């Protein structure tokens, strides 16, 4: 969406603003990030998140950078709405056009309670705190190879 009055009007009317998040790989040897992006994610966030400081501020909330599938690559999880959480898995090809995992909850997400490897298999799980619940997104084992 271009930075025009029409684009702004459409975003406010829809209540969502498009986001593009780029990932640059860090090189341990040179201690620098690669100049070219290794991948990107396109999503959108509620316009209200840009206007209020509540809930952590900014368009990306409840961000977790961790290995969710055990492939030793850093994946990205974040809220994409007050009651919705999505995860994008990073691969050799970068990130998929759509989230690899999406979950809508019955109540708002207030914070990340924790993220850790619950079963010792190298896959991080995430717990999200709501007003009266804790939602645990446990990393699943990959399907068996044929």
N, C-alpha and C. Protein backbone atom coordinates (compact mmCIF):
# COMPACT_ATOMS: atom_id res chain seq x y z
N UNK A 1 0.85 -1.17 0.00
CA UNK A 1 0.00 0.00 0.00
C UNK A 1 0.90 1.22 0.00
N UNK A 2 0.66 2.09 -0.94
CA UNK A 2 1.47 3.31 -1.04
C UNK A 2 1.09 4.28 0.06
N UNK A 3 2.01 5.18 0.38
CA UNK A 3 1.77 6.17 1.42
C UNK A 3 0.93 7.32 0.89
N UNK A 4 -0.27 7.03 0.47
CA UNK A 4 -1.16 8.05 -0.07
C UNK A 4 -2.34 8.25 0.89
N UNK A 5 -3.08 9.32 0.65
CA UNK A 5 -4.28 9.56 1.46
C UNK A 5 -5.26 8.41 1.26
N UNK A 6 -5.40 7.93 0.02
CA UNK A 6 -6.30 6.81 -0.25
C UNK A 6 -5.83 5.55 0.48
N UNK A 7 -4.53 5.27 0.45
CA UNK A 7 -4.00 4.11 1.15
C UNK A 7 -4.22 4.19 2.65
N UNK A 8 -3.99 5.36 3.21
CA UNK A 8 -4.22 5.58 4.64
C UNK A 8 -5.69 5.41 4.99
N UNK A 9 -6.56 5.97 4.16
CA UNK A 9 -8.00 5.85 4.39
C UNK A 9 -8.44 4.39 4.34
N UNK A 10 -7.93 3.64 3.37
CA UNK A 10 -8.28 2.22 3.25
C UNK A 10 -7.80 1.44 4.47
N UNK A 11 -6.60 1.71 4.95
CA UNK A 11 -6.06 1.00 6.11
C UNK A 11 -6.88 1.30 7.36
N UNK A 12 -7.24 2.56 7.55
CA UNK A 12 -8.03 2.92 8.72
C UNK A 12 -9.42 2.31 8.63
N UNK A 13 -10.01 2.32 7.47
CA UNK A 13 -11.34 1.72 7.29
C UNK A 13 -11.31 0.22 7.55
N UNK A 14 -10.25 -0.45 7.09
CA UNK A 14 -10.11 -1.90 7.29
C UNK A 14 -9.64 -2.23 8.70
N UNK A 15 -8.99 -1.25 9.36
CA UNK A 15 -8.47 -1.49 10.70
C UNK A 15 -7.17 -2.27 10.72
N UNK A 16 -6.53 -2.45 9.57
CA UNK A 16 -5.28 -3.22 9.45
C UNK A 16 -4.27 -2.42 8.63
N UNK A 17 -2.99 -2.58 8.98
CA UNK A 17 -1.91 -1.91 8.25
C UNK A 17 -0.92 -2.97 7.78
N UNK A 18 -0.55 -2.96 6.49
CA UNK A 18 0.38 -3.98 5.99
C UNK A 18 1.80 -3.79 6.55
N UNK A 19 2.45 -4.92 6.84
CA UNK A 19 3.82 -4.92 7.35
C UNK A 19 4.68 -5.82 6.48
N UNK A 20 5.94 -5.45 6.36
CA UNK A 20 6.93 -6.31 5.70
C UNK A 20 8.13 -6.39 6.64
N UNK A 21 8.41 -7.58 7.14
CA UNK A 21 9.52 -7.82 8.06
C UNK A 21 10.61 -8.55 7.29
N UNK A 22 11.82 -8.02 7.30
CA UNK A 22 12.92 -8.69 6.61
C UNK A 22 13.90 -9.27 7.62
N UNK A 23 14.50 -10.39 7.25
CA UNK A 23 15.47 -11.07 8.10
C UNK A 23 16.83 -11.07 7.41
N UNK A 24 17.83 -10.66 8.16
CA UNK A 24 19.21 -10.68 7.68
C UNK A 24 20.00 -11.64 8.56
N UNK A 25 20.74 -12.54 7.96
CA UNK A 25 21.51 -13.53 8.71
C UNK A 25 22.77 -12.91 9.30
N UNK A 26 23.11 -13.34 10.51
CA UNK A 26 24.31 -12.87 11.20
C UNK A 26 25.45 -13.83 10.93
N UNK A 27 26.60 -13.29 10.53
CA UNK A 27 27.78 -14.09 10.26
C UNK A 27 28.69 -14.02 11.48
N UNK A 28 28.86 -15.15 12.16
CA UNK A 28 29.71 -15.19 13.37
C UNK A 28 31.15 -14.82 13.07
N UNK A 29 31.64 -15.22 11.91
CA UNK A 29 33.04 -14.96 11.56
C UNK A 29 33.31 -13.47 11.41
N UNK A 30 32.43 -12.75 10.69
CA UNK A 30 32.65 -11.33 10.46
C UNK A 30 31.99 -10.44 11.52
N UNK A 31 31.12 -11.05 12.35
CA UNK A 31 30.37 -10.31 13.37
C UNK A 31 29.49 -9.22 12.75
N UNK A 32 28.92 -9.53 11.59
CA UNK A 32 28.05 -8.58 10.89
C UNK A 32 26.85 -9.32 10.31
N UNK A 33 25.79 -8.53 10.08
CA UNK A 33 24.62 -9.06 9.40
C UNK A 33 24.83 -8.96 7.89
N UNK A 34 24.30 -9.91 7.16
CA UNK A 34 24.40 -9.90 5.70
C UNK A 34 23.64 -8.70 5.15
N UNK A 35 24.20 -8.04 4.14
CA UNK A 35 23.52 -6.87 3.59
C UNK A 35 22.23 -7.24 2.84
N UNK A 36 22.19 -8.42 2.25
CA UNK A 36 21.01 -8.87 1.52
C UNK A 36 20.09 -9.64 2.45
N UNK A 37 18.78 -9.38 2.40
CA UNK A 37 17.87 -10.13 3.27
C UNK A 37 17.84 -11.61 2.91
N UNK A 38 17.75 -12.45 3.93
CA UNK A 38 17.66 -13.89 3.72
C UNK A 38 16.22 -14.32 3.52
N UNK A 39 15.30 -13.47 3.90
CA UNK A 39 13.88 -13.77 3.74
C UNK A 39 13.06 -12.62 4.26
N UNK A 40 11.77 -12.70 3.99
CA UNK A 40 10.87 -11.67 4.49
C UNK A 40 9.50 -12.26 4.77
N UNK A 41 8.76 -11.57 5.61
CA UNK A 41 7.40 -11.95 5.97
C UNK A 41 6.51 -10.76 5.67
N UNK A 42 5.40 -11.03 5.01
CA UNK A 42 4.41 -9.99 4.78
C UNK A 42 3.16 -10.37 5.54
N UNK A 43 2.72 -9.47 6.39
CA UNK A 43 1.52 -9.66 7.19
C UNK A 43 0.91 -8.30 7.42
N UNK A 44 -0.02 -8.20 8.34
CA UNK A 44 -0.54 -6.90 8.70
C UNK A 44 -0.87 -6.89 10.19
N UNK A 45 -1.06 -5.70 10.72
CA UNK A 45 -1.30 -5.53 12.15
C UNK A 45 -2.46 -4.55 12.33
N UNK A 46 -3.14 -4.64 13.45
CA UNK A 46 -4.21 -3.67 13.72
C UNK A 46 -3.67 -2.24 13.74
N UNK A 47 -4.37 -1.35 13.08
CA UNK A 47 -3.96 0.06 13.05
C UNK A 47 -3.84 0.62 14.46
N UNK A 48 -4.72 0.19 15.36
CA UNK A 48 -4.70 0.69 16.75
C UNK A 48 -3.35 0.42 17.42
N UNK A 49 -2.65 -0.65 17.01
CA UNK A 49 -1.36 -0.97 17.62
C UNK A 49 -0.31 0.10 17.33
N UNK A 50 -0.49 0.84 16.27
CA UNK A 50 0.44 1.93 15.94
C UNK A 50 0.13 3.17 16.75
N UNK A 51 -1.11 3.27 17.23
CA UNK A 51 -1.57 4.49 17.87
C UNK A 51 -1.52 4.46 19.39
N UNK A 52 -1.45 3.26 19.97
CA UNK A 52 -1.44 3.16 21.43
C UNK A 52 -0.14 2.54 21.91
N UNK A 53 0.23 2.85 23.12
CA UNK A 53 1.41 2.27 23.73
C UNK A 53 1.10 1.02 24.53
N UNK A 54 -0.19 0.66 24.62
CA UNK A 54 -0.58 -0.50 25.41
C UNK A 54 -0.16 -1.79 24.72
N UNK A 55 0.12 -2.82 25.50
CA UNK A 55 0.43 -4.14 24.96
C UNK A 55 1.82 -4.26 24.38
N UNK A 56 2.73 -3.41 24.78
CA UNK A 56 4.10 -3.54 24.29
C UNK A 56 4.46 -2.54 23.22
N UNK A 57 3.46 -1.88 22.64
CA UNK A 57 3.73 -0.86 21.64
C UNK A 57 4.26 -1.43 20.34
N UNK A 58 4.09 -0.69 19.28
CA UNK A 58 4.59 -1.09 17.97
C UNK A 58 3.70 -2.10 17.28
N UNK A 59 3.98 -2.33 16.02
CA UNK A 59 3.13 -3.21 15.22
C UNK A 59 3.36 -4.70 15.46
N UNK A 60 4.53 -5.10 15.93
CA UNK A 60 4.79 -6.51 16.22
C UNK A 60 4.73 -6.71 17.72
N UNK A 61 3.85 -7.58 18.15
CA UNK A 61 3.68 -7.82 19.58
C UNK A 61 3.87 -9.30 19.89
N UNK A 62 4.35 -9.55 21.08
CA UNK A 62 4.55 -10.92 21.59
C UNK A 62 5.48 -11.72 20.65
N UNK A 63 6.55 -11.06 20.24
CA UNK A 63 7.49 -11.67 19.31
C UNK A 63 8.34 -12.71 20.03
N UNK A 64 8.48 -13.87 19.39
CA UNK A 64 9.39 -14.92 19.86
C UNK A 64 10.24 -15.33 18.66
N UNK A 65 11.55 -15.23 18.82
CA UNK A 65 12.51 -15.70 17.83
C UNK A 65 13.16 -16.94 18.43
N UNK A 66 12.86 -18.10 17.87
CA UNK A 66 13.37 -19.36 18.41
C UNK A 66 13.21 -20.44 17.35
N UNK A 67 13.72 -21.61 17.64
CA UNK A 67 13.62 -22.75 16.73
C UNK A 67 12.39 -23.57 17.10
N UNK A 68 11.31 -23.43 16.35
CA UNK A 68 10.06 -24.12 16.67
C UNK A 68 9.98 -25.53 16.11
N UNK A 69 10.80 -25.85 15.12
CA UNK A 69 10.70 -27.17 14.50
C UNK A 69 11.97 -28.01 14.62
N UNK A 70 12.96 -27.55 15.34
CA UNK A 70 14.14 -28.36 15.61
C UNK A 70 15.13 -28.47 14.47
N UNK A 71 15.08 -27.55 13.49
CA UNK A 71 16.01 -27.62 12.36
C UNK A 71 17.24 -26.73 12.56
N UNK A 72 17.40 -26.17 13.73
CA UNK A 72 18.52 -25.31 14.11
C UNK A 72 18.54 -23.99 13.33
N UNK A 73 17.35 -23.56 12.89
CA UNK A 73 17.19 -22.25 12.27
C UNK A 73 16.24 -21.43 13.13
N UNK A 74 16.43 -20.13 13.16
CA UNK A 74 15.57 -19.27 13.95
C UNK A 74 14.28 -18.97 13.19
N UNK A 75 13.16 -19.25 13.84
CA UNK A 75 11.84 -19.01 13.29
C UNK A 75 11.23 -17.81 14.01
N UNK A 76 10.11 -17.31 13.51
CA UNK A 76 9.47 -16.13 14.07
C UNK A 76 8.02 -16.42 14.43
N UNK A 77 7.65 -16.07 15.66
CA UNK A 77 6.26 -16.12 16.09
C UNK A 77 5.87 -14.76 16.62
N UNK A 78 4.63 -14.31 16.35
CA UNK A 78 4.15 -13.04 16.87
C UNK A 78 2.63 -12.98 16.77
N UNK A 79 2.06 -12.06 17.55
CA UNK A 79 0.63 -11.80 17.45
C UNK A 79 0.37 -11.05 16.16
N UNK A 80 -0.69 -11.44 15.48
CA UNK A 80 -1.09 -10.71 14.27
C UNK A 80 -2.47 -10.09 14.47
N UNK A 81 -2.92 -10.15 15.69
CA UNK A 81 -4.19 -9.55 16.10
C UNK A 81 -4.30 -9.70 17.59
N UNK A 82 -5.26 -9.06 18.22
CA UNK A 82 -5.38 -9.15 19.67
C UNK A 82 -5.56 -10.57 20.19
N UNK A 83 -6.18 -11.44 19.39
CA UNK A 83 -6.46 -12.82 19.82
C UNK A 83 -5.85 -13.86 18.88
N UNK A 84 -4.89 -13.46 18.07
CA UNK A 84 -4.34 -14.39 17.07
C UNK A 84 -2.82 -14.41 17.12
N UNK A 85 -2.27 -15.61 16.95
CA UNK A 85 -0.81 -15.79 16.97
C UNK A 85 -0.42 -16.60 15.74
N UNK A 86 0.70 -16.24 15.13
CA UNK A 86 1.17 -16.94 13.94
C UNK A 86 2.66 -17.23 14.06
N UNK A 87 3.09 -18.30 13.39
CA UNK A 87 4.51 -18.69 13.37
C UNK A 87 4.92 -18.93 11.92
N UNK A 88 6.06 -18.35 11.55
CA UNK A 88 6.68 -18.59 10.26
C UNK A 88 7.97 -19.35 10.50
N UNK A 89 8.15 -20.47 9.82
CA UNK A 89 9.36 -21.28 9.94
C UNK A 89 10.34 -20.85 8.85
N UNK A 90 11.60 -20.67 9.24
CA UNK A 90 12.62 -20.30 8.27
C UNK A 90 13.23 -21.55 7.67
N UNK A 91 13.42 -21.55 6.35
CA UNK A 91 14.04 -22.68 5.64
C UNK A 91 15.08 -22.15 4.66
N UNK A 92 15.69 -23.03 3.93
CA UNK A 92 16.67 -22.63 2.90
C UNK A 92 16.06 -21.63 1.92
N UNK A 93 14.77 -21.78 1.66
CA UNK A 93 14.08 -20.90 0.71
C UNK A 93 13.58 -19.61 1.35
N UNK A 94 13.82 -19.42 2.64
CA UNK A 94 13.34 -18.24 3.35
C UNK A 94 12.06 -18.57 4.10
N UNK A 95 11.17 -17.61 4.20
CA UNK A 95 9.89 -17.80 4.88
C UNK A 95 8.79 -18.03 3.86
N UNK A 96 7.78 -18.79 4.22
CA UNK A 96 6.64 -19.02 3.35
C UNK A 96 5.80 -17.75 3.25
N UNK A 97 4.98 -17.67 2.21
CA UNK A 97 4.13 -16.50 2.02
C UNK A 97 3.08 -16.39 3.11
N UNK A 98 2.66 -17.51 3.65
CA UNK A 98 1.65 -17.54 4.72
C UNK A 98 2.28 -18.18 5.95
N UNK A 99 1.75 -17.90 7.13
CA UNK A 99 2.30 -18.52 8.34
C UNK A 99 2.22 -20.04 8.26
N UNK A 100 3.20 -20.71 8.84
CA UNK A 100 3.19 -22.17 8.91
C UNK A 100 2.24 -22.64 10.01
N UNK A 101 1.94 -21.76 10.94
CA UNK A 101 1.02 -22.07 12.03
C UNK A 101 0.24 -20.82 12.37
N UNK A 102 -1.05 -20.99 12.63
CA UNK A 102 -1.92 -19.87 13.02
C UNK A 102 -2.91 -20.39 14.05
N UNK A 103 -3.13 -19.60 15.10
CA UNK A 103 -4.13 -19.99 16.10
C UNK A 103 -4.86 -18.74 16.58
N UNK A 104 -6.19 -18.81 16.55
CA UNK A 104 -7.03 -17.76 17.13
C UNK A 104 -7.47 -18.26 18.50
N UNK A 105 -7.49 -17.37 19.47
CA UNK A 105 -7.84 -17.72 20.85
C UNK A 105 -9.16 -17.10 21.26
N UNK A 106 -9.71 -17.59 22.35
CA UNK A 106 -10.99 -17.12 22.86
C UNK A 106 -10.89 -15.79 23.60
N UNK A 107 -9.69 -15.38 23.94
CA UNK A 107 -9.49 -14.11 24.62
C UNK A 107 -8.20 -13.47 24.15
N UNK A 108 -8.00 -12.22 24.53
CA UNK A 108 -6.82 -11.46 24.09
C UNK A 108 -5.53 -12.04 24.64
N UNK A 109 -4.47 -11.87 23.87
CA UNK A 109 -3.12 -12.25 24.30
C UNK A 109 -2.52 -11.03 25.00
N UNK A 110 -2.09 -11.23 26.26
CA UNK A 110 -1.51 -10.13 27.03
C UNK A 110 0.01 -10.13 26.98
N UNK A 111 0.61 -11.33 26.99
CA UNK A 111 2.07 -11.40 27.00
C UNK A 111 2.53 -12.82 26.69
N UNK A 112 3.82 -12.95 26.46
CA UNK A 112 4.45 -14.27 26.34
C UNK A 112 4.85 -14.69 27.75
N UNK A 113 4.27 -15.79 28.22
CA UNK A 113 4.59 -16.28 29.56
C UNK A 113 5.99 -16.91 29.56
N UNK A 114 6.26 -17.75 28.55
CA UNK A 114 7.59 -18.34 28.38
C UNK A 114 7.69 -18.97 27.00
N UNK A 115 8.91 -19.23 26.59
CA UNK A 115 9.17 -20.08 25.42
C UNK A 115 10.39 -20.91 25.75
N UNK A 116 10.25 -22.23 25.57
CA UNK A 116 11.32 -23.15 25.95
C UNK A 116 11.12 -24.48 25.25
N UNK A 117 12.13 -25.29 25.27
CA UNK A 117 12.09 -26.65 24.73
C UNK A 117 11.50 -27.56 25.81
N UNK A 118 10.22 -27.86 25.73
CA UNK A 118 9.53 -28.62 26.77
C UNK A 118 9.91 -30.09 26.83
N UNK A 119 10.24 -30.70 25.69
CA UNK A 119 10.53 -32.13 25.69
C UNK A 119 11.99 -32.47 25.40
N UNK A 120 12.86 -31.47 25.35
CA UNK A 120 14.29 -31.71 25.15
C UNK A 120 14.65 -32.18 23.75
N UNK A 121 13.80 -31.90 22.76
CA UNK A 121 14.05 -32.35 21.39
C UNK A 121 14.48 -31.23 20.46
N UNK A 122 14.82 -30.06 21.01
CA UNK A 122 15.31 -28.97 20.19
C UNK A 122 14.23 -28.13 19.53
N UNK A 123 12.98 -28.29 19.96
CA UNK A 123 11.87 -27.53 19.39
C UNK A 123 11.26 -26.66 20.50
N UNK A 124 11.22 -25.38 20.28
CA UNK A 124 10.70 -24.47 21.30
C UNK A 124 9.18 -24.42 21.26
N UNK A 125 8.57 -24.46 22.44
CA UNK A 125 7.13 -24.26 22.60
C UNK A 125 6.92 -22.88 23.21
N UNK A 126 5.72 -22.33 23.04
CA UNK A 126 5.41 -20.98 23.52
C UNK A 126 4.16 -21.03 24.39
N UNK A 127 4.20 -20.29 25.50
CA UNK A 127 3.01 -20.10 26.34
C UNK A 127 2.64 -18.63 26.29
N UNK A 128 1.38 -18.37 25.98
CA UNK A 128 0.86 -17.01 25.89
C UNK A 128 -0.15 -16.79 27.00
N UNK A 129 -0.03 -15.67 27.68
CA UNK A 129 -0.92 -15.37 28.79
C UNK A 129 -2.06 -14.48 28.33
N UNK A 130 -3.28 -14.89 28.69
CA UNK A 130 -4.48 -14.09 28.46
C UNK A 130 -5.00 -13.59 29.80
N UNK A 131 -6.12 -12.88 29.81
CA UNK A 131 -6.66 -12.36 31.07
C UNK A 131 -7.00 -13.45 32.09
N UNK A 132 -7.46 -14.61 31.62
CA UNK A 132 -7.83 -15.67 32.57
C UNK A 132 -7.29 -17.04 32.16
N UNK A 133 -6.43 -17.09 31.16
CA UNK A 133 -5.92 -18.36 30.65
C UNK A 133 -4.46 -18.25 30.26
N UNK A 134 -3.82 -19.40 30.21
CA UNK A 134 -2.49 -19.51 29.60
C UNK A 134 -2.64 -20.50 28.46
N UNK A 135 -2.27 -20.08 27.26
CA UNK A 135 -2.36 -20.92 26.07
C UNK A 135 -0.98 -21.46 25.76
N UNK A 136 -0.83 -22.78 25.75
CA UNK A 136 0.47 -23.40 25.46
C UNK A 136 0.45 -23.95 24.04
N UNK A 137 1.37 -23.44 23.23
CA UNK A 137 1.53 -23.92 21.86
C UNK A 137 2.75 -24.84 21.87
N UNK A 138 2.48 -26.14 22.03
CA UNK A 138 3.57 -27.11 22.15
C UNK A 138 4.06 -27.52 20.78
N UNK A 139 5.35 -27.43 20.59
CA UNK A 139 5.95 -27.81 19.31
C UNK A 139 5.74 -29.30 19.07
N UNK A 140 5.22 -29.61 17.90
CA UNK A 140 4.96 -31.00 17.55
C UNK A 140 6.18 -31.64 16.91
N UNK A 141 6.31 -32.93 17.10
CA UNK A 141 7.38 -33.68 16.46
C UNK A 141 7.10 -33.71 14.95
N UNK A 142 8.14 -33.65 14.13
CA UNK A 142 7.92 -33.73 12.69
C UNK A 142 7.36 -35.09 12.31
N UNK A 143 6.59 -35.15 11.21
CA UNK A 143 6.06 -36.45 10.80
C UNK A 143 7.20 -37.39 10.44
N UNK A 144 6.99 -38.71 10.63
CA UNK A 144 8.05 -39.66 10.30
C UNK A 144 8.37 -39.65 8.81
N UNK A 145 9.62 -39.87 8.49
CA UNK A 145 10.05 -39.93 7.08
C UNK A 145 9.56 -41.23 6.46
N UNK A 146 9.17 -41.16 5.17
CA UNK A 146 8.70 -42.39 4.49
C UNK A 146 9.80 -43.39 4.25
